[in-house]
Amino acid sequence: MENLPLFISLDLLDEVFGTNGGFGFLLLYGPVAGYFLVFHSILGIRSLFHASRNFGKTAPFRKRFDKILVISIGVPAVFFVIAGAFLNKFIETKSLEI
């Protein structure tokens, strides 16, 4: 945990470049983060950064949201994210770390 400040600063830098550069740069994050934290911690921290980034990108358009679309896509997405997080306790993560 002595490397946690370095890890968080690299994570923030990755989030900035990933937002501006696209999805490809974020693929480098997982292997690098594996040197600092365990897999479950990496998933949790990334989910917080992704959620904050998505809220920041959608905030200017909040007046034009289609409520039916948000309910039909957003509610199942939240449900499956929670289900995936729950199932993550029972699935061997070694296969995901390859």
Protein backbone atom coordinates (compact mmCIF):
# COMPACT_ATOMS: atom_id res chain seq x y z
CA MET A 1 0.00 0.00 0.00
CA GLU A 2 3.01 2.30 0.09
CA ASN A 3 2.61 2.70 -3.69
CA LEU A 4 -1.04 3.74 -3.47
CA PRO A 5 -0.43 7.48 -4.16
CA LEU A 6 1.64 6.58 -7.22
CA PHE A 7 -1.05 4.15 -8.37
CA ILE A 8 -3.84 6.71 -7.99
CA SER A 9 -1.88 9.38 -9.85
CA LEU A 10 -1.19 6.93 -12.70
CA ASP A 11 -4.85 5.98 -12.68
CA LEU A 12 -5.95 9.61 -13.00
CA LEU A 13 -3.44 10.15 -15.81
CA ASP A 14 -4.75 7.05 -17.56
CA GLU A 15 -8.32 8.30 -17.21
CA VAL A 16 -7.42 11.65 -18.81
CA PHE A 17 -5.58 10.03 -21.73
CA GLY A 18 -8.24 7.35 -22.10
CA THR A 19 -11.00 9.95 -22.29
CA ASN A 20 -9.16 12.00 -24.89
CA GLY A 21 -7.50 9.18 -26.78
CA GLY A 22 -10.24 6.60 -26.87
CA PHE A 23 -10.70 3.05 -25.64
CA GLY A 24 -7.33 1.66 -26.75
CA PHE A 25 -5.24 3.41 -24.13
CA LEU A 26 -7.36 1.99 -21.31
CA LEU A 27 -6.35 -1.52 -22.31
CA LEU A 28 -2.87 -0.79 -20.95
CA TYR A 29 -4.25 -0.01 -17.53
CA GLY A 30 -5.07 -3.55 -16.35
CA PRO A 31 -1.60 -5.07 -16.60
CA VAL A 32 0.07 -2.01 -15.09
CA ALA A 33 -2.45 -1.83 -12.25
CA GLY A 34 -1.81 -5.51 -11.51
CA TYR A 35 1.61 -4.56 -10.17
CA PHE A 36 0.06 -2.32 -7.52
CA LEU A 37 -3.22 -3.89 -6.38
CA VAL A 38 -5.20 -7.11 -6.46
CA PHE A 39 -7.71 -7.69 -9.25
CA HIS A 40 -10.84 -6.91 -7.21
CA SER A 41 -9.45 -3.56 -6.09
CA ILE A 42 -8.58 -2.66 -9.67
CA LEU A 43 -12.15 -3.37 -10.78
CA GLY A 44 -13.60 -1.25 -7.98
CA ILE A 45 -11.39 1.76 -8.58
CA ARG A 46 -11.91 1.65 -12.34
CA SER A 47 -15.68 1.46 -11.91
CA LEU A 48 -15.60 4.65 -9.84
CA PHE A 49 -13.52 6.46 -12.44
CA HIS A 50 -15.74 5.24 -15.30
CA ALA A 51 -18.91 6.30 -13.51
CA SER A 52 -17.58 9.77 -12.75
CA ARG A 53 -16.37 10.18 -16.34
CA ASN A 54 -19.72 9.09 -17.75
CA PHE A 55 -21.64 11.44 -15.47
CA GLY A 56 -19.32 14.26 -16.53
CA LYS A 57 -19.86 13.55 -20.22
CA THR A 58 -23.65 13.29 -19.97
CA ALA A 59 -24.23 16.25 -17.64
CA PRO A 60 -24.50 18.84 -20.46
CA PHE A 61 -27.27 16.78 -22.10
CA ARG A 62 -29.43 16.08 -19.04
CA LYS A 63 -32.31 18.23 -20.30
CA ARG A 64 -32.62 16.16 -23.48
CA PHE A 65 -32.59 12.67 -21.91
CA ASP A 66 -35.15 10.25 -23.27
CA LYS A 67 -36.54 8.82 -20.04
CA ILE A 68 -37.86 5.65 -21.68
CA LEU A 69 -34.46 4.94 -23.20
CA VAL A 70 -32.69 5.56 -19.90
CA ILE A 71 -35.07 3.18 -18.11
CA SER A 72 -34.94 0.48 -20.78
CA ILE A 73 -31.13 0.48 -21.03
CA GLY A 74 -29.97 1.97 -17.73
CA VAL A 75 -31.96 -0.18 -15.33
CA PRO A 76 -30.87 -3.51 -16.88
CA ALA A 77 -27.29 -2.24 -17.05
CA VAL A 78 -27.26 -1.43 -13.34
CA PHE A 79 -28.85 -4.79 -12.56
CA PHE A 80 -26.25 -6.72 -14.56
CA VAL A 81 -23.37 -4.73 -13.08
CA ILE A 82 -24.57 -5.61 -9.59
CA ALA A 83 -25.07 -9.26 -10.62
CA GLY A 84 -21.56 -9.34 -12.14
CA ALA A 85 -20.06 -7.85 -8.99
CA PHE A 86 -21.85 -10.47 -6.91
CA LEU A 87 -20.73 -13.32 -9.18
CA ASN A 88 -17.19 -11.99 -9.05
CA LYS A 89 -16.93 -13.39 -5.53
CA PHE A 90 -17.51 -16.92 -6.81
CA ILE A 91 -15.53 -16.92 -10.07
CA GLU A 92 -11.84 -17.71 -10.00
CA THR A 93 -10.12 -14.47 -11.05
CA LYS A 94 -6.91 -16.17 -12.15
CA SER A 95 -8.47 -16.81 -15.57
CA LEU A 96 -9.34 -13.11 -15.89
CA GLU A 97 -5.78 -12.01 -15.10
CA ILE A 98 -4.24 -13.70 -18.14
